[in-house]
C-alpha atoms as a PDB file:
ATOM      1  CA  MET A   1      -8.663   2.977 -14.955  1.00  0.00           C
ATOM      2  CA  THR A   2      -5.663   5.206 -13.144  1.00  0.00           C
ATOM      3  CA  THR A   3      -6.034   7.671 -10.692  1.00  0.00           C
ATOM      4  CA  SER A   4      -3.114   9.632  -7.928  1.00  0.00           C
ATOM      5  CA  VAL A   5      -2.952   9.809  -4.878  1.00  0.00           C
ATOM      6  CA  ASN A   6      -0.807  11.940  -2.429  1.00  0.00           C
ATOM      7  CA  ARG A   7       0.165  11.007   0.771  1.00  0.00           C
ATOM      8  CA  SER A   8       1.295  14.136   2.782  1.00  0.00           C
ATOM      9  CA  ALA A   9       4.331  11.923   4.315  1.00  0.00           C
ATOM     10  CA  GLN A  10       4.868  10.558   0.897  1.00  0.00           C
ATOM     11  CA  ALA A  11       5.334  11.726  -3.342  1.00  0.00           C
ATOM     12  CA  GLU A  12       1.947  11.155  -5.622  1.00  0.00           C
ATOM     13  CA  GLU A  13       1.845   7.694  -6.212  1.00  0.00           C
ATOM     14  CA  THR A  14      -0.181   5.233  -8.855  1.00  0.00           C
ATOM     15  CA  VAL A  15      -2.858   3.092  -7.954  1.00  0.00           C
ATOM     16  CA  ILE A  16      -2.459   0.708 -10.151  1.00  0.00           C
ATOM     17  CA  SER A  17      -4.884  -2.437  -8.527  1.00  0.00           C
ATOM     18  CA  ARG A  18      -7.506  -1.828  -5.478  1.00  0.00           C
ATOM     19  CA  HIS A  19      -9.354  -5.251  -4.536  1.00  0.00           C
ATOM     20  CA  LEU A  20     -11.057  -7.285  -1.348  1.00  0.00           C
ATOM     21  CA  THR A  21      -9.255  -9.069   0.643  1.00  0.00           C
ATOM     22  CA  SER A  22     -10.694 -11.721   3.676  1.00  0.00           C
ATOM     23  CA  GLU A  23      -8.270  -9.093   5.868  1.00  0.00           C
ATOM     24  CA  GLY A  24      -8.843  -6.183   4.516  1.00  0.00           C
ATOM     25  CA  THR A  25      -8.494  -3.566   0.808  1.00  0.00           C
ATOM     26  CA  VAL A  26      -5.650  -4.640  -0.897  1.00  0.00           C
ATOM     27  CA  VAL A  27      -3.568  -1.273  -3.523  1.00  0.00           C
ATOM     28  CA  TRP A  28      -1.031  -1.893  -4.877  1.00  0.00           C
ATOM     29  CA  THR A  29       0.817   1.554  -6.023  1.00  0.00           C
ATOM     30  CA  ARG A  30       3.462   2.492  -8.099  1.00  0.00           C
ATOM     31  CA  ASP A  31       6.120   5.965  -6.643  1.00  0.00           C
ATOM     32  CA  THR A  32       7.781   8.502  -9.514  1.00  0.00           C
ATOM     33  CA  GLU A  33      10.462   6.209  -9.840  1.00  0.00           C
ATOM     34  CA  GLY A  34       7.884   3.454 -10.942  1.00  0.00           C
ATOM     35  CA  ARG A  35       8.761   0.967  -7.870  1.00  0.00           C
ATOM     36  CA  PRO A  36       5.529  -1.299  -6.917  1.00  0.00           C
ATOM     37  CA  ARG A  37       4.005  -0.755  -3.163  1.00  0.00           C
ATOM     38  CA  MET A  38       1.406  -3.410  -1.555  1.00  0.00           C
ATOM     39  CA  THR A  39      -1.441  -1.139   1.267  1.00  0.00           C
ATOM     40  CA  LEU A  40      -4.199  -3.549   3.035  1.00  0.00           C
ATOM     41  CA  TYR A  41      -6.362  -1.711   4.961  1.00  0.00           C
ATOM     42  CA  PRO A  42      -8.025  -3.771   7.624  1.00  0.00           C
ATOM     43  CA  HIS A  43     -11.273  -4.087   7.680  1.00  0.00           C
ATOM     44  CA  SER A  44     -11.108  -4.250  11.386  1.00  0.00           C
ATOM     45  CA  PRO A  45     -12.328  -0.916  13.049  1.00  0.00           C
ATOM     46  CA  GLY A  46      -8.561   0.336  14.937  1.00  0.00           C
ATOM     47  CA  ALA A  47      -6.423  -1.218  12.837  1.00  0.00           C
ATOM     48  CA  ARG A  48      -3.389   0.638  11.234  1.00  0.00           C
ATOM     49  CA  PRO A  49      -2.836   0.601   7.385  1.00  0.00           C
ATOM     50  CA  ARG A  50      -0.068  -1.878   6.212  1.00  0.00           C
ATOM     51  CA  THR A  51       2.352  -0.591   3.294  1.00  0.00           C
ATOM     52  CA  THR A  52       5.263  -2.883   2.218  1.00  0.00           C
ATOM     53  CA  ILE A  53       7.687  -1.460  -0.103  1.00  0.00           C
ATOM     54  CA  ALA A  54       8.775  -4.011  -3.007  1.00  0.00           C
ATOM     55  CA  GLY A  55      11.197  -6.709  -2.083  1.00  0.00           C
ATOM     56  CA  GLY A  56       9.868  -7.721   1.121  1.00  0.00           C
ATOM     57  CA  THR A  57      10.437  -4.663   3.441  1.00  0.00           C
ATOM     58  CA  ALA A  58       7.380  -4.249   6.084  1.00  0.00           C
ATOM     59  CA  ARG A  59       7.088  -0.628   6.936  1.00  0.00           C
ATOM     60  CA  ASP A  60       6.272  -1.035  10.394  1.00  0.00           C
ATOM     61  CA  GLY A  61      10.019  -1.900  10.440  1.00  0.00           C
ATOM     62  CA  GLY A  62       9.130  -5.487  10.645  1.00  0.00           C
ATOM     63  CA  ARG A  63      10.391  -8.054   8.387  1.00  0.00           C
ATOM     64  CA  LEU A  64       7.691 -10.001   5.925  1.00  0.00           C
ATOM     65  CA  ARG A  65       7.790 -13.572   6.338  1.00  0.00           C
END
């Protein structure tokens, strides 16, 4: 099953998978050009979602280690 999400700052994306982890909910999507993207929506109150684009670049400016 795939669904689409529309974020104001991003192009429309297709949800590939969604699952729970010990840290929060992970959602894998593909943008209109086919690039995969992983977003972690933390369980912690007040924590902001963290998006990682394929290739290891974190959306908050950091680099995955």
